[in-house]
Amino acid sequence: MSGGRDEERQETLDRFGEAVNMSASELEKWLGTEQAQEVGQKNGSEESTGHASGRRIVDLLRTKKADLSDDDLAHMRKVVGYVHRHAQQRPEGDVTDTPWRHSLMNWGHDPEK
C-alpha cells in the first residue's frame, strides 16, 4: 500500500507551497535581474546554487503535480529546508534591498509578501 507515500508526497507539496510564495512568472522575471545573479554561493560556476535552484523551481511550479518525480520532490524538500533556515536569519531593519532577501527570492520566497 502506498498510503504513507501519498501522505508524504502531499506533505512535501503543501510545505513547498507554503515556502514558495512567488509564482513561476514572478520568479522567472526576478531571476533575470542583476540582483538575483549577484547573490549566493557560486560553487565554481557562473551561476549560484540558489539561482540554479530558482530556475528549477520555475519548472516545478509549471509541472503538473501528478508528473513530479521523486527527484523533483527531493528538490522541493531542499527548497523548504533552505527557506526555513534562511528566513530565521532575518537581519534587523528594512530588508527590502538586502542580499538576504534577494537570496530567499532566488529560492522562490519573498519575505516582503
PDB file of N, CA and C in Angstrom:
ATOM      1  N   MET A   1       0.833  -1.198   0.000  1.00  0.00           N
ATOM      2  CA  MET A   1       0.000   0.000   0.000  1.00  0.00           C
ATOM      3  C   MET A   1       0.871   1.253   0.000  1.00  0.00           C
ATOM      4  N   SER A   2       0.400   2.263  -0.675  1.00  0.00           N
ATOM      5  CA  SER A   2       1.201   3.482  -0.795  1.00  0.00           C
ATOM      6  C   SER A   2       0.585   4.648  -0.027  1.00  0.00           C
ATOM      7  N   GLY A   3      -0.292   4.376   0.918  1.00  0.00           N
ATOM      8  CA  GLY A   3      -0.927   5.437   1.698  1.00  0.00           C
ATOM      9  C   GLY A   3       0.059   6.367   2.353  1.00  0.00           C
ATOM     10  N   GLY A   4       1.084   5.802   3.014  1.00  0.00           N
ATOM     11  CA  GLY A   4       2.105   6.617   3.659  1.00  0.00           C
ATOM     12  C   GLY A   4       2.892   7.442   2.661  1.00  0.00           C
ATOM     13  N   ARG A   5       3.174   6.832   1.528  1.00  0.00           N
ATOM     14  CA  ARG A   5       3.920   7.521   0.470  1.00  0.00           C
ATOM     15  C   ARG A   5       3.098   8.687  -0.092  1.00  0.00           C
ATOM     16  N   ASP A   6       1.798   8.457  -0.277  1.00  0.00           N
ATOM     17  CA  ASP A   6       0.926   9.524  -0.770  1.00  0.00           C
ATOM     18  C   ASP A   6       0.851  10.673   0.233  1.00  0.00           C
ATOM     19  N   GLU A   7       0.777  10.333   1.517  1.00  0.00           N
ATOM     20  CA  GLU A   7       0.736  11.362   2.558  1.00  0.00           C
ATOM     21  C   GLU A   7       2.040  12.159   2.588  1.00  0.00           C
ATOM     22  N   GLU A   8       3.165  11.454   2.461  1.00  0.00           N
ATOM     23  CA  GLU A   8       4.472  12.114   2.460  1.00  0.00           C
ATOM     24  C   GLU A   8       4.589  13.045   1.249  1.00  0.00           C
ATOM     25  N   ARG A   9       4.132  12.577   0.099  1.00  0.00           N
ATOM     26  CA  ARG A   9       4.149  13.381  -1.127  1.00  0.00           C
ATOM     27  C   ARG A   9       3.302  14.644  -0.937  1.00  0.00           C
ATOM     28  N   GLN A  10       2.099  14.469  -0.378  1.00  0.00           N
ATOM     29  CA  GLN A  10       1.210  15.617  -0.176  1.00  0.00           C
ATOM     30  C   GLN A  10       1.794  16.600   0.829  1.00  0.00           C
ATOM     31  N   GLU A  11       2.442  16.080   1.872  1.00  0.00           N
ATOM     32  CA  GLU A  11       3.069  16.958   2.853  1.00  0.00           C
ATOM     33  C   GLU A  11       4.182  17.783   2.198  1.00  0.00           C
ATOM     34  N   THR A  12       4.970  17.142   1.341  1.00  0.00           N
ATOM     35  CA  THR A  12       6.028  17.857   0.615  1.00  0.00           C
ATOM     36  C   THR A  12       5.420  18.948  -0.256  1.00  0.00           C
ATOM     37  N   LEU A  13       4.360  18.621  -0.981  1.00  0.00           N
ATOM     38  CA  LEU A  13       3.705  19.610  -1.842  1.00  0.00           C
ATOM     39  C   LEU A  13       3.145  20.772  -1.027  1.00  0.00           C
ATOM     40  N   ASP A  14       2.533  20.469   0.112  1.00  0.00           N
ATOM     41  CA  ASP A  14       1.972  21.514   0.977  1.00  0.00           C
ATOM     42  C   ASP A  14       3.066  22.426   1.523  1.00  0.00           C
ATOM     43  N   ARG A  15       4.129  21.823   2.039  1.00  0.00           N
ATOM     44  CA  ARG A  15       5.219  22.616   2.632  1.00  0.00           C
ATOM     45  C   ARG A  15       5.920  23.456   1.562  1.00  0.00           C
ATOM     46  N   PHE A  16       6.085  22.902   0.370  1.00  0.00           N
ATOM     47  CA  PHE A  16       6.678  23.639  -0.749  1.00  0.00           C
ATOM     48  C   PHE A  16       5.785  24.824  -1.114  1.00  0.00           C
ATOM     49  N   GLY A  17       4.469  24.582  -1.143  1.00  0.00           N
ATOM     50  CA  GLY A  17       3.524  25.645  -1.457  1.00  0.00           C
ATOM     51  C   GLY A  17       3.533  26.774  -0.440  1.00  0.00           C
ATOM     52  N   GLU A  18       3.815  26.440   0.812  1.00  0.00           N
ATOM     53  CA  GLU A  18       3.916  27.466   1.862  1.00  0.00           C
ATOM     54  C   GLU A  18       5.238  28.228   1.754  1.00  0.00           C
ATOM     55  N   ALA A  19       6.317  27.515   1.454  1.00  0.00           N
ATOM     56  CA  ALA A  19       7.643  28.142   1.399  1.00  0.00           C
ATOM     57  C   ALA A  19       7.809  29.004   0.149  1.00  0.00           C
ATOM     58  N   VAL A  20       7.322  28.520  -0.973  1.00  0.00           N
ATOM     59  CA  VAL A  20       7.458  29.237  -2.250  1.00  0.00           C
ATOM     60  C   VAL A  20       6.218  30.100  -2.439  1.00  0.00           C
ATOM     61  N   ASN A  21       6.405  31.412  -2.210  1.00  0.00           N
ATOM     62  CA  ASN A  21       5.254  32.315  -2.303  1.00  0.00           C
ATOM     63  C   ASN A  21       5.314  33.206  -3.540  1.00  0.00           C
ATOM     64  N   MET A  22       6.199  32.873  -4.472  1.00  0.00           N
ATOM     65  CA  MET A  22       6.277  33.602  -5.740  1.00  0.00           C
ATOM     66  C   MET A  22       5.719  32.687  -6.839  1.00  0.00           C
ATOM     67  N   SER A  23       5.049  33.281  -7.803  1.00  0.00           N
ATOM     68  CA  SER A  23       4.544  32.499  -8.937  1.00  0.00           C
ATOM     69  C   SER A  23       5.704  32.193  -9.873  1.00  0.00           C
ATOM     70  N   ALA A  24       5.484  31.270 -10.784  1.00  0.00           N
ATOM     71  CA  ALA A  24       6.527  30.919 -11.755  1.00  0.00           C
ATOM     72  C   ALA A  24       6.943  32.156 -12.555  1.00  0.00           C
ATOM     73  N   SER A  25       5.983  32.962 -12.986  1.00  0.00           N
ATOM     74  CA  SER A  25       6.330  34.144 -13.786  1.00  0.00           C
ATOM     75  C   SER A  25       7.043  35.205 -12.949  1.00  0.00           C
ATOM     76  N   GLU A  26       6.623  35.389 -11.692  1.00  0.00           N
ATOM     77  CA  GLU A  26       7.321  36.344 -10.808  1.00  0.00           C
ATOM     78  C   GLU A  26       8.774  35.905 -10.596  1.00  0.00           C
ATOM     79  N   LEU A  27       8.959  34.625 -10.323  1.00  0.00           N
ATOM     80  CA  LEU A  27      10.295  34.110 -10.056  1.00  0.00           C
ATOM     81  C   LEU A  27      11.164  34.182 -11.308  1.00  0.00           C
ATOM     82  N   GLU A  28      10.606  33.826 -12.437  1.00  0.00           N
ATOM     83  CA  GLU A  28      11.359  33.872 -13.695  1.00  0.00           C
ATOM     84  C   GLU A  28      11.819  35.301 -13.997  1.00  0.00           C
ATOM     85  N   LYS A  29      10.919  36.259 -13.794  1.00  0.00           N
ATOM     86  CA  LYS A  29      11.255  37.670 -14.011  1.00  0.00           C
ATOM     87  C   LYS A  29      12.372  38.100 -13.041  1.00  0.00           C
ATOM     88  N   TRP A  30      12.236  37.709 -11.764  1.00  0.00           N
ATOM     89  CA  TRP A  30      13.243  38.038 -10.752  1.00  0.00           C
ATOM     90  C   TRP A  30      14.613  37.461 -11.119  1.00  0.00           C
ATOM     91  N   LEU A  31      14.636  36.212 -11.569  1.00  0.00           N
ATOM     92  CA  LEU A  31      15.908  35.548 -11.876  1.00  0.00           C
ATOM     93  C   LEU A  31      16.668  36.241 -13.006  1.00  0.00           C
ATOM     94  N   GLY A  32      15.959  37.025 -13.806  1.00  0.00           N
ATOM     95  CA  GLY A  32      16.603  37.769 -14.888  1.00  0.00           C
ATOM     96  C   GLY A  32      17.242  39.071 -14.444  1.00  0.00           C
ATOM     97  N   THR A  33      17.083  39.440 -13.182  1.00  0.00           N
ATOM     98  CA  THR A  33      17.634  40.709 -12.693  1.00  0.00           C
ATOM     99  C   THR A  33      19.091  40.558 -12.250  1.00  0.00           C
ATOM    100  N   GLU A  34      19.774  41.679 -12.239  1.00  0.00           N
ATOM    101  CA  GLU A  34      21.164  41.710 -11.784  1.00  0.00           C
ATOM    102  C   GLU A  34      21.270  41.296 -10.312  1.00  0.00           C
ATOM    103  N   GLN A  35      20.334  41.780  -9.482  1.00  0.00           N
ATOM    104  CA  GLN A  35      20.363  41.454  -8.052  1.00  0.00           C
ATOM    105  C   GLN A  35      20.273  39.948  -7.825  1.00  0.00           C
ATOM    106  N   ALA A  36      19.449  39.272  -8.606  1.00  0.00           N
ATOM    107  CA  ALA A  36      19.279  37.823  -8.446  1.00  0.00           C
ATOM    108  C   ALA A  36      20.576  37.089  -8.764  1.00  0.00           C
ATOM    109  N   GLN A  37      21.333  37.622  -9.715  1.00  0.00           N
ATOM    110  CA  GLN A  37      22.544  36.945 -10.154  1.00  0.00           C
ATOM    111  C   GLN A  37      23.761  37.286  -9.291  1.00  0.00           C
ATOM    112  N   GLU A  38      23.629  38.308  -8.453  1.00  0.00           N
ATOM    113  CA  GLU A  38      24.768  38.738  -7.628  1.00  0.00           C
ATOM    114  C   GLU A  38      24.894  37.989  -6.309  1.00  0.00           C
ATOM    115  N   VAL A  39      23.822  37.356  -5.832  1.00  0.00           N
ATOM    116  CA  VAL A  39      23.849  36.734  -4.504  1.00  0.00           C
ATOM    117  C   VAL A  39      24.044  35.227  -4.583  1.00  0.00           C
ATOM    118  N   GLY A  40      24.530  34.679  -3.484  1.00  0.00           N
ATOM    119  CA  GLY A  40      24.624  33.231  -3.349  1.00  0.00           C
ATOM    120  C   GLY A  40      25.999  32.668  -3.603  1.00  0.00           C
ATOM    121  N   GLN A  41      26.159  31.404  -3.221  1.00  0.00           N
ATOM    122  CA  GLN A  41      27.424  30.699  -3.402  1.00  0.00           C
ATOM    123  C   GLN A  41      27.534  30.216  -4.840  1.00  0.00           C
ATOM    124  N   LYS A  42      28.696  30.490  -5.454  1.00  0.00           N
ATOM    125  CA  LYS A  42      28.864  30.184  -6.866  1.00  0.00           C
ATOM    126  C   LYS A  42      29.330  28.750  -7.142  1.00  0.00           C
ATOM    127  N   ASN A  43      29.993  28.104  -6.194  1.00  0.00           N
ATOM    128  CA  ASN A  43      30.434  26.707  -6.363  1.00  0.00           C
ATOM    129  C   ASN A  43      31.169  26.450  -7.681  1.00  0.00           C
ATOM    130  N   GLY A  44      32.055  27.367  -8.051  1.00  0.00           N
ATOM    131  CA  GLY A  44      32.909  27.153  -9.214  1.00  0.00           C
ATOM    132  C   GLY A  44      32.259  27.412 -10.559  1.00  0.00           C
ATOM    133  N   SER A  45      31.004  27.832 -10.586  1.00  0.00           N
ATOM    134  CA  SER A  45      30.380  28.152 -11.863  1.00  0.00           C
ATOM    135  C   SER A  45      29.920  29.605 -11.827  1.00  0.00           C
ATOM    136  N   GLU A  46      29.454  30.072 -12.960  1.00  0.00           N
ATOM    137  CA  GLU A  46      28.972  31.451 -13.055  1.00  0.00           C
ATOM    138  C   GLU A  46      27.677  31.656 -12.263  1.00  0.00           C
ATOM    139  N   GLU A  47      26.888  30.591 -12.149  1.00  0.00           N
ATOM    140  CA  GLU A  47      25.573  30.698 -11.528  1.00  0.00           C
ATOM    141  C   GLU A  47      25.605  30.185 -10.095  1.00  0.00           C
ATOM    142  N   SER A  48      24.956  30.916  -9.193  1.00  0.00           N
ATOM    143  CA  SER A  48      24.900  30.481  -7.801  1.00  0.00           C
ATOM    144  C   SER A  48      23.967  29.284  -7.648  1.00  0.00           C
ATOM    145  N   THR A  49      24.148  28.581  -6.551  1.00  0.00           N
ATOM    146  CA  THR A  49      23.302  27.431  -6.228  1.00  0.00           C
ATOM    147  C   THR A  49      21.833  27.851  -6.164  1.00  0.00           C
ATOM    148  N   GLY A  50      21.558  28.987  -5.497  1.00  0.00           N
ATOM    149  CA  GLY A  50      20.182  29.468  -5.355  1.00  0.00           C
ATOM    150  C   GLY A  50      19.564  29.868  -6.686  1.00  0.00           C
ATOM    151  N   HIS A  51      20.363  30.481  -7.558  1.00  0.00           N
ATOM    152  CA  HIS A  51      19.847  30.898  -8.865  1.00  0.00           C
ATOM    153  C   HIS A  51      19.480  29.671  -9.693  1.00  0.00           C
ATOM    154  N   ALA A  52      20.339  28.664  -9.678  1.00  0.00           N
ATOM    155  CA  ALA A  52      20.050  27.415 -10.398  1.00  0.00           C
ATOM    156  C   ALA A  52      18.803  26.757  -9.809  1.00  0.00           C
ATOM    157  N   SER A  53      18.698  26.786  -8.473  1.00  0.00           N
ATOM    158  CA  SER A  53      17.522  26.233  -7.815  1.00  0.00           C
ATOM    159  C   SER A  53      16.273  26.993  -8.245  1.00  0.00           C
ATOM    160  N   GLY A  54      16.382  28.299  -8.355  1.00  0.00           N
ATOM    161  CA  GLY A  54      15.250  29.124  -8.779  1.00  0.00           C
ATOM    162  C   GLY A  54      14.743  28.727 -10.154  1.00  0.00           C
ATOM    163  N   ARG A  55      15.669  28.466 -11.079  1.00  0.00           N
ATOM    164  CA  ARG A  55      15.258  28.031 -12.416  1.00  0.00           C
ATOM    165  C   ARG A  55      14.517  26.696 -12.331  1.00  0.00           C
ATOM    166  N   ARG A  56      15.002  25.814 -11.464  1.00  0.00           N
ATOM    167  CA  ARG A  56      14.328  24.521 -11.303  1.00  0.00           C
ATOM    168  C   ARG A  56      12.953  24.712 -10.649  1.00  0.00           C
ATOM    169  N   ILE A  57      12.857  25.630  -9.695  1.00  0.00           N
ATOM    170  CA  ILE A  57      11.570  25.905  -9.038  1.00  0.00           C
ATOM    171  C   ILE A  57      10.549  26.396 -10.068  1.00  0.00           C
ATOM    172  N   VAL A  58      10.979  27.245 -10.996  1.00  0.00           N
ATOM    173  CA  VAL A  58      10.073  27.709 -12.060  1.00  0.00           C
ATOM    174  C   VAL A  58       9.513  26.500 -12.802  1.00  0.00           C
ATOM    175  N   ASP A  59      10.389  25.559 -13.157  1.00  0.00           N
ATOM    176  CA  ASP A  59       9.932  24.343 -13.849  1.00  0.00           C
ATOM    177  C   ASP A  59       8.975  23.539 -12.979  1.00  0.00           C
ATOM    178  N   LEU A  60       9.314  23.403 -11.690  1.00  0.00           N
ATOM    179  CA  LEU A  60       8.462  22.636 -10.773  1.00  0.00           C
ATOM    180  C   LEU A  60       7.070  23.261 -10.658  1.00  0.00           C
ATOM    181  N   LEU A  61       7.023  24.583 -10.581  1.00  0.00           N
ATOM    182  CA  LEU A  61       5.741  25.276 -10.458  1.00  0.00           C
ATOM    183  C   LEU A  61       4.877  25.078 -11.703  1.00  0.00           C
ATOM    184  N   ARG A  62       5.532  24.843 -12.839  1.00  0.00           N
ATOM    185  CA  ARG A  62       4.802  24.672 -14.102  1.00  0.00           C
ATOM    186  C   ARG A  62       4.521  23.210 -14.428  1.00  0.00           C
ATOM    187  N   THR A  63       4.965  22.311 -13.569  1.00  0.00           N
ATOM    188  CA  THR A  63       4.759  20.883 -13.786  1.00  0.00           C
ATOM    189  C   THR A  63       3.495  20.429 -13.070  1.00  0.00           C
ATOM    190  N   LYS A  64       2.717  19.603 -13.743  1.00  0.00           N
ATOM    191  CA  LYS A  64       1.520  19.041 -13.099  1.00  0.00           C
ATOM    192  C   LYS A  64       1.965  18.202 -11.916  1.00  0.00           C
ATOM    193  N   LYS A  65       1.236  18.313 -10.813  1.00  0.00           N
ATOM    194  CA  LYS A  65       1.588  17.565  -9.594  1.00  0.00           C
ATOM    195  C   LYS A  65       1.767  16.077  -9.867  1.00  0.00           C
ATOM    196  N   ALA A  66       0.931  15.516 -10.701  1.00  0.00           N
ATOM    197  CA  ALA A  66       0.995  14.078 -10.995  1.00  0.00           C
ATOM    198  C   ALA A  66       2.271  13.697 -11.744  1.00  0.00           C
ATOM    199  N   ASP A  67       2.898  14.689 -12.402  1.00  0.00           N
ATOM    200  CA  ASP A  67       4.095  14.418 -13.205  1.00  0.00           C
ATOM    201  C   ASP A  67       5.394  14.642 -12.441  1.00  0.00           C
ATOM    202  N   LEU A  68       5.309  15.036 -11.175  1.00  0.00           N
ATOM    203  CA  LEU A  68       6.519  15.285 -10.389  1.00  0.00           C
ATOM    204  C   LEU A  68       7.204  13.967 -10.026  1.00  0.00           C
ATOM    205  N   SER A  69       8.515  13.926 -10.249  1.00  0.00           N
ATOM    206  CA  SER A  69       9.304  12.723  -9.951  1.00  0.00           C
ATOM    207  C   SER A  69       9.780  12.738  -8.497  1.00  0.00           C
ATOM    208  N   ASP A  70      10.333  11.622  -8.057  1.00  0.00           N
ATOM    209  CA  ASP A  70      10.927  11.560  -6.717  1.00  0.00           C
ATOM    210  C   ASP A  70      12.043  12.585  -6.586  1.00  0.00           C
ATOM    211  N   ASP A  71      12.814  12.773  -7.659  1.00  0.00           N
ATOM    212  CA  ASP A  71      13.893  13.757  -7.660  1.00  0.00           C
ATOM    213  C   ASP A  71      13.327  15.175  -7.508  1.00  0.00           C
ATOM    214  N   ASP A  72      12.209  15.443  -8.172  1.00  0.00           N
ATOM    215  CA  ASP A  72      11.544  16.746  -8.032  1.00  0.00           C
ATOM    216  C   ASP A  72      11.110  16.971  -6.590  1.00  0.00           C
ATOM    217  N   LEU A  73      10.517  15.942  -5.991  1.00  0.00           N
ATOM    218  CA  LEU A  73      10.058  16.051  -4.598  1.00  0.00           C
ATOM    219  C   LEU A  73      11.231  16.247  -3.651  1.00  0.00           C
ATOM    220  N   ALA A  74      12.347  15.601  -3.932  1.00  0.00           N
ATOM    221  CA  ALA A  74      13.550  15.785  -3.106  1.00  0.00           C
ATOM    222  C   ALA A  74      14.030  17.226  -3.201  1.00  0.00           C
ATOM    223  N   HIS A  75      13.981  17.810  -4.402  1.00  0.00           N
ATOM    224  CA  HIS A  75      14.394  19.211  -4.543  1.00  0.00           C
ATOM    225  C   HIS A  75      13.413  20.127  -3.812  1.00  0.00           C
ATOM    226  N   MET A  76      12.143  19.802  -3.859  1.00  0.00           N
ATOM    227  CA  MET A  76      11.139  20.600  -3.146  1.00  0.00           C
ATOM    228  C   MET A  76      11.427  20.592  -1.642  1.00  0.00           C
ATOM    229  N   ARG A  77      11.815  19.435  -1.109  1.00  0.00           N
ATOM    230  CA  ARG A  77      12.160  19.364   0.318  1.00  0.00           C
ATOM    231  C   ARG A  77      13.409  20.195   0.614  1.00  0.00           C
ATOM    232  N   LYS A  78      14.374  20.197  -0.294  1.00  0.00           N
ATOM    233  CA  LYS A  78      15.584  21.006  -0.139  1.00  0.00           C
ATOM    234  C   LYS A  78      15.220  22.493  -0.097  1.00  0.00           C
ATOM    235  N   VAL A  79      14.314  22.898  -0.979  1.00  0.00           N
ATOM    236  CA  VAL A  79      13.854  24.297  -1.029  1.00  0.00           C
ATOM    237  C   VAL A  79      13.196  24.683   0.291  1.00  0.00           C
ATOM    238  N   VAL A  80      12.313  23.836   0.790  1.00  0.00           N
ATOM    239  CA  VAL A  80      11.619  24.099   2.056  1.00  0.00           C
ATOM    240  C   VAL A  80      12.641  24.264   3.177  1.00  0.00           C
ATOM    241  N   GLY A  81      13.610  23.373   3.249  1.00  0.00           N
ATOM    242  CA  GLY A  81      14.641  23.442   4.285  1.00  0.00           C
ATOM    243  C   GLY A  81      15.448  24.725   4.202  1.00  0.00           C
ATOM    244  N   TYR A  82      15.846  25.100   2.985  1.00  0.00           N
ATOM    245  CA  TYR A  82      16.623  26.323   2.807  1.00  0.00           C
ATOM    246  C   TYR A  82      15.814  27.547   3.235  1.00  0.00           C
ATOM    247  N   VAL A  83      14.582  27.633   2.750  1.00  0.00           N
ATOM    248  CA  VAL A  83      13.746  28.801   3.067  1.00  0.00           C
ATOM    249  C   VAL A  83      13.544  28.917   4.579  1.00  0.00           C
ATOM    250  N   HIS A  84      13.264  27.791   5.238  1.00  0.00           N
ATOM    251  CA  HIS A  84      13.046  27.823   6.691  1.00  0.00           C
ATOM    252  C   HIS A  84      14.315  28.253   7.433  1.00  0.00           C
ATOM    253  N   ARG A  85      15.454  27.704   7.063  1.00  0.00           N
ATOM    254  CA  ARG A  85      16.722  28.067   7.732  1.00  0.00           C
ATOM    255  C   ARG A  85      17.086  29.531   7.483  1.00  0.00           C
ATOM    256  N   HIS A  86      17.022  29.934   6.224  1.00  0.00           N
ATOM    257  CA  HIS A  86      17.450  31.282   5.859  1.00  0.00           C
ATOM    258  C   HIS A  86      16.507  32.353   6.417  1.00  0.00           C
ATOM    259  N   ALA A  87      15.218  32.053   6.466  1.00  0.00           N
ATOM    260  CA  ALA A  87      14.239  33.020   6.977  1.00  0.00           C
ATOM    261  C   ALA A  87      14.509  33.343   8.446  1.00  0.00           C
ATOM    262  N   GLN A  88      15.047  32.384   9.182  1.00  0.00           N
ATOM    263  CA  GLN A  88      15.352  32.597  10.604  1.00  0.00           C
ATOM    264  C   GLN A  88      16.539  33.542  10.809  1.00  0.00           C
ATOM    265  N   GLN A  89      17.293  33.812   9.755  1.00  0.00           N
ATOM    266  CA  GLN A  89      18.468  34.678   9.857  1.00  0.00           C
ATOM    267  C   GLN A  89      18.163  36.116   9.436  1.00  0.00           C
ATOM    268  N   ARG A  90      16.893  36.487   9.490  1.00  0.00           N
ATOM    269  CA  ARG A  90      16.472  37.824   9.051  1.00  0.00           C
ATOM    270  C   ARG A  90      17.281  38.908   9.763  1.00  0.00           C
ATOM    271  N   PRO A  91      17.885  39.815   8.989  1.00  0.00           N
ATOM    272  CA  PRO A  91      18.633  40.916   9.614  1.00  0.00           C
ATOM    273  C   PRO A  91      17.693  41.974  10.183  1.00  0.00           C
ATOM    274  N   GLU A  92      18.242  42.840  11.017  1.00  0.00           N
ATOM    275  CA  GLU A  92      17.470  43.935  11.601  1.00  0.00           C
ATOM    276  C   GLU A  92      17.145  44.967  10.523  1.00  0.00           C
ATOM    277  N   GLY A  93      16.076  45.702  10.757  1.00  0.00           N
ATOM    278  CA  GLY A  93      15.759  46.843   9.905  1.00  0.00           C
ATOM    279  C   GLY A  93      15.057  46.471   8.608  1.00  0.00           C
ATOM    280  N   ASP A  94      15.114  47.404   7.675  1.00  0.00           N
ATOM    281  CA  ASP A  94      14.451  47.252   6.384  1.00  0.00           C
ATOM    282  C   ASP A  94      15.222  46.250   5.527  1.00  0.00           C
ATOM    283  N   VAL A  95      14.556  45.191   5.109  1.00  0.00           N
ATOM    284  CA  VAL A  95      15.234  44.138   4.336  1.00  0.00           C
ATOM    285  C   VAL A  95      14.930  44.222   2.837  1.00  0.00           C
ATOM    286  N   THR A  96      14.223  45.282   2.422  1.00  0.00           N
ATOM    287  CA  THR A  96      13.756  45.377   1.037  1.00  0.00           C
ATOM    288  C   THR A  96      14.855  45.120   0.011  1.00  0.00           C
ATOM    289  N   ASP A  97      15.987  45.794   0.154  1.00  0.00           N
ATOM    290  CA  ASP A  97      17.051  45.684  -0.856  1.00  0.00           C
ATOM    291  C   ASP A  97      18.308  45.084  -0.238  1.00  0.00           C
ATOM    292  N   THR A  98      18.173  43.893   0.344  1.00  0.00           N
ATOM    293  CA  THR A  98      19.312  43.252   1.003  1.00  0.00           C
ATOM    294  C   THR A  98      19.660  41.925   0.322  1.00  0.00           C
ATOM    295  N   PRO A  99      20.924  41.530   0.412  1.00  0.00           N
ATOM    296  CA  PRO A  99      21.305  40.212  -0.117  1.00  0.00           C
ATOM    297  C   PRO A  99      20.499  39.084   0.527  1.00  0.00           C
ATOM    298  N   TRP A 100      20.131  39.246   1.806  1.00  0.00           N
ATOM    299  CA  TRP A 100      19.334  38.231   2.500  1.00  0.00           C
ATOM    300  C   TRP A 100      18.012  37.997   1.762  1.00  0.00           C
ATOM    301  N   ARG A 101      17.292  39.084   1.471  1.00  0.00           N
ATOM    302  CA  ARG A 101      16.006  38.951   0.761  1.00  0.00           C
ATOM    303  C   ARG A 101      16.225  38.427  -0.649  1.00  0.00           C
ATOM    304  N   HIS A 102      17.230  38.957  -1.330  1.00  0.00           N
ATOM    305  CA  HIS A 102      17.479  38.536  -2.709  1.00  0.00           C
ATOM    306  C   HIS A 102      17.801  37.048  -2.785  1.00  0.00           C
ATOM    307  N   SER A 103      18.547  36.556  -1.819  1.00  0.00           N
ATOM    308  CA  SER A 103      18.881  35.136  -1.787  1.00  0.00           C
ATOM    309  C   SER A 103      17.620  34.297  -1.596  1.00  0.00           C
ATOM    310  N   LEU A 104      16.767  34.705  -0.675  1.00  0.00           N
ATOM    311  CA  LEU A 104      15.500  33.980  -0.471  1.00  0.00           C
ATOM    312  C   LEU A 104      14.634  34.019  -1.729  1.00  0.00           C
ATOM    313  N   MET A 105      14.630  35.142  -2.405  1.00  0.00           N
ATOM    314  CA  MET A 105      13.822  35.260  -3.618  1.00  0.00           C
ATOM    315  C   MET A 105      14.332  34.314  -4.709  1.00  0.00           C
ATOM    316  N   ASN A 106      15.645  34.080  -4.754  1.00  0.00           N
ATOM    317  CA  ASN A 106      16.174  33.110  -5.716  1.00  0.00           C
ATOM    318  C   ASN A 106      15.596  31.722  -5.461  1.00  0.00           C
ATOM    319  N   TRP A 107      15.227  31.462  -4.214  1.00  0.00           N
ATOM    320  CA  TRP A 107      14.636  30.170  -3.830  1.00  0.00           C
ATOM    321  C   TRP A 107      13.109  30.227  -3.841  1.00  0.00           C
ATOM    322  N   GLY A 108      12.548  31.295  -4.432  1.00  0.00           N
ATOM    323  CA  GLY A 108      11.099  31.382  -4.624  1.00  0.00           C
ATOM    324  C   GLY A 108      10.315  31.959  -3.462  1.00  0.00           C
ATOM    325  N   HIS A 109      11.021  32.511  -2.464  1.00  0.00           N
ATOM    326  CA  HIS A 109      10.325  33.049  -1.294  1.00  0.00           C
ATOM    327  C   HIS A 109      10.641  34.534  -1.139  1.00  0.00           C
ATOM    328  N   ASP A 110       9.609  35.353  -1.218  1.00  0.00           N
ATOM    329  CA  ASP A 110       9.780  36.799  -0.999  1.00  0.00           C
ATOM    330  C   ASP A 110       9.266  37.131   0.394  1.00  0.00           C
ATOM    331  N   PRO A 111      10.186  37.426   1.337  1.00  0.00           N
ATOM    332  CA  PRO A 111       9.764  37.711   2.720  1.00  0.00           C
ATOM    333  C   PRO A 111       8.960  39.001   2.841  1.00  0.00           C
ATOM    334  N   GLU A 112       8.918  39.812   1.796  1.00  0.00           N
ATOM    335  CA  GLU A 112       8.140  41.050   1.826  1.00  0.00           C
ATOM    336  C   GLU A 112       6.669  40.815   1.453  1.00  0.00           C
ATOM    337  N   LYS A 113       6.336  39.612   1.054  1.00  0.00           N
ATOM    338  CA  LYS A 113       4.943  39.294   0.659  1.00  0.00           C
ATOM    339  C   LYS A 113       4.121  38.957   1.880  1.00  0.00           C
TER     340      LYS A 113
END
